Amino acid sequence: MTTTPDAAEEAHQFTITHPFHPLVHQSFALLERRHAWGE
C-alpha cells in the first residue's frame, strides 16, 4: 500500500493566479506540455 499518487494516473492541473484575469483561482486540466529549450 502507498499513499503517494501514481504519476501515470495523476492528471496535471494548473491554476490561474493573475489577480486581474477573469478566471483567477480556477483550475484546469493540463492537456499538453511543451518545453522550448531556447526560452
N, C-alpha and C. Protein backbone atom coordinates (compact mmCIF):
# COMPACT_ATOMS: atom_id res chain seq x y z
N MET A 1 0.85 -1.17 0.00
CA MET A 1 0.00 0.00 0.00
C MET A 1 0.89 1.24 0.00
N THR A 2 0.46 2.26 -0.74
CA THR A 2 1.22 3.50 -0.80
C THR A 2 0.28 4.69 -0.69
N THR A 3 0.78 5.79 -0.18
CA THR A 3 -0.03 7.00 -0.06
C THR A 3 0.32 8.03 -1.11
N THR A 4 1.32 7.73 -1.94
CA THR A 4 1.71 8.67 -2.99
C THR A 4 0.92 8.39 -4.26
N PRO A 5 0.51 9.44 -4.97
CA PRO A 5 -0.27 9.22 -6.19
C PRO A 5 0.60 8.63 -7.29
N ASP A 6 -0.02 7.85 -8.16
CA ASP A 6 0.67 7.27 -9.30
C ASP A 6 0.79 8.33 -10.38
N ALA A 7 2.00 8.65 -10.77
CA ALA A 7 2.23 9.72 -11.76
C ALA A 7 1.56 9.42 -13.09
N ALA A 8 1.43 8.16 -13.44
CA ALA A 8 0.80 7.80 -14.72
C ALA A 8 -0.70 8.06 -14.69
N GLU A 9 -1.31 7.98 -13.53
CA GLU A 9 -2.75 8.16 -13.41
C GLU A 9 -3.13 9.57 -12.98
N GLU A 10 -2.21 10.30 -12.40
CA GLU A 10 -2.50 11.63 -11.88
C GLU A 10 -2.62 12.64 -13.01
N ALA A 11 -3.73 13.35 -13.06
CA ALA A 11 -3.92 14.39 -14.06
C ALA A 11 -3.23 15.66 -13.57
N HIS A 12 -2.44 16.26 -14.43
CA HIS A 12 -1.77 17.50 -14.07
C HIS A 12 -2.73 18.66 -14.26
N GLN A 13 -2.71 19.58 -13.33
CA GLN A 13 -3.59 20.74 -13.38
C GLN A 13 -2.79 22.01 -13.18
N PHE A 14 -3.37 23.11 -13.62
CA PHE A 14 -2.79 24.42 -13.35
C PHE A 14 -3.90 25.34 -12.87
N THR A 15 -3.51 26.34 -12.10
CA THR A 15 -4.45 27.31 -11.55
C THR A 15 -4.06 28.70 -12.00
N ILE A 16 -5.04 29.47 -12.44
CA ILE A 16 -4.81 30.86 -12.85
C ILE A 16 -4.60 31.69 -11.57
N THR A 17 -3.47 32.40 -11.50
CA THR A 17 -3.16 33.16 -10.28
C THR A 17 -3.11 34.67 -10.51
N HIS A 18 -3.16 35.11 -11.75
CA HIS A 18 -3.08 36.55 -12.01
C HIS A 18 -4.33 37.23 -11.45
N PRO A 19 -4.17 38.23 -10.58
CA PRO A 19 -5.33 38.80 -9.88
C PRO A 19 -6.37 39.47 -10.77
N PHE A 20 -6.00 39.91 -11.97
CA PHE A 20 -6.96 40.61 -12.83
C PHE A 20 -7.49 39.73 -13.96
N HIS A 21 -7.08 38.47 -14.02
CA HIS A 21 -7.57 37.56 -15.06
C HIS A 21 -9.00 37.16 -14.70
N PRO A 22 -9.91 37.10 -15.66
CA PRO A 22 -11.31 36.76 -15.34
C PRO A 22 -11.50 35.35 -14.77
N LEU A 23 -10.55 34.46 -14.97
CA LEU A 23 -10.67 33.09 -14.46
C LEU A 23 -9.77 32.83 -13.26
N VAL A 24 -9.40 33.88 -12.54
CA VAL A 24 -8.50 33.76 -11.39
C VAL A 24 -9.05 32.74 -10.38
N HIS A 25 -8.16 31.96 -9.79
CA HIS A 25 -8.46 30.92 -8.78
C HIS A 25 -9.17 29.70 -9.36
N GLN A 26 -9.28 29.59 -10.67
CA GLN A 26 -9.88 28.40 -11.27
C GLN A 26 -8.78 27.46 -11.74
N SER A 27 -9.03 26.17 -11.61
CA SER A 27 -8.06 25.15 -12.02
C SER A 27 -8.54 24.45 -13.27
N PHE A 28 -7.58 24.04 -14.10
CA PHE A 28 -7.88 23.39 -15.37
C PHE A 28 -6.93 22.21 -15.56
N ALA A 29 -7.38 21.20 -16.30
CA ALA A 29 -6.53 20.06 -16.61
C ALA A 29 -5.52 20.46 -17.68
N LEU A 30 -4.29 20.05 -17.49
CA LEU A 30 -3.24 20.32 -18.47
C LEU A 30 -3.30 19.24 -19.53
N LEU A 31 -3.60 19.64 -20.77
CA LEU A 31 -3.76 18.68 -21.86
C LEU A 31 -2.45 18.35 -22.54
N GLU A 32 -1.55 19.33 -22.62
CA GLU A 32 -0.28 19.12 -23.30
C GLU A 32 0.77 20.02 -22.67
N ARG A 33 2.00 19.54 -22.62
CA ARG A 33 3.10 20.33 -22.08
C ARG A 33 4.25 20.30 -23.07
N ARG A 34 4.77 21.47 -23.38
CA ARG A 34 5.90 21.56 -24.29
C ARG A 34 7.02 22.34 -23.61
N HIS A 35 8.24 22.01 -23.99
CA HIS A 35 9.39 22.71 -23.44
C HIS A 35 10.18 23.32 -24.59
N ALA A 36 10.34 24.63 -24.56
CA ALA A 36 11.13 25.33 -25.57
C ALA A 36 12.52 25.55 -25.00
N TRP A 37 13.50 24.84 -25.51
CA TRP A 37 14.85 24.89 -24.95
C TRP A 37 15.49 26.26 -25.09
N GLY A 38 15.13 27.03 -26.10
CA GLY A 38 15.76 28.33 -26.30
C GLY A 38 15.17 29.43 -25.45
N GLU A 39 14.14 29.15 -24.71
CA GLU A 39 13.47 30.20 -23.94
C GLU A 39 13.69 30.00 -22.46
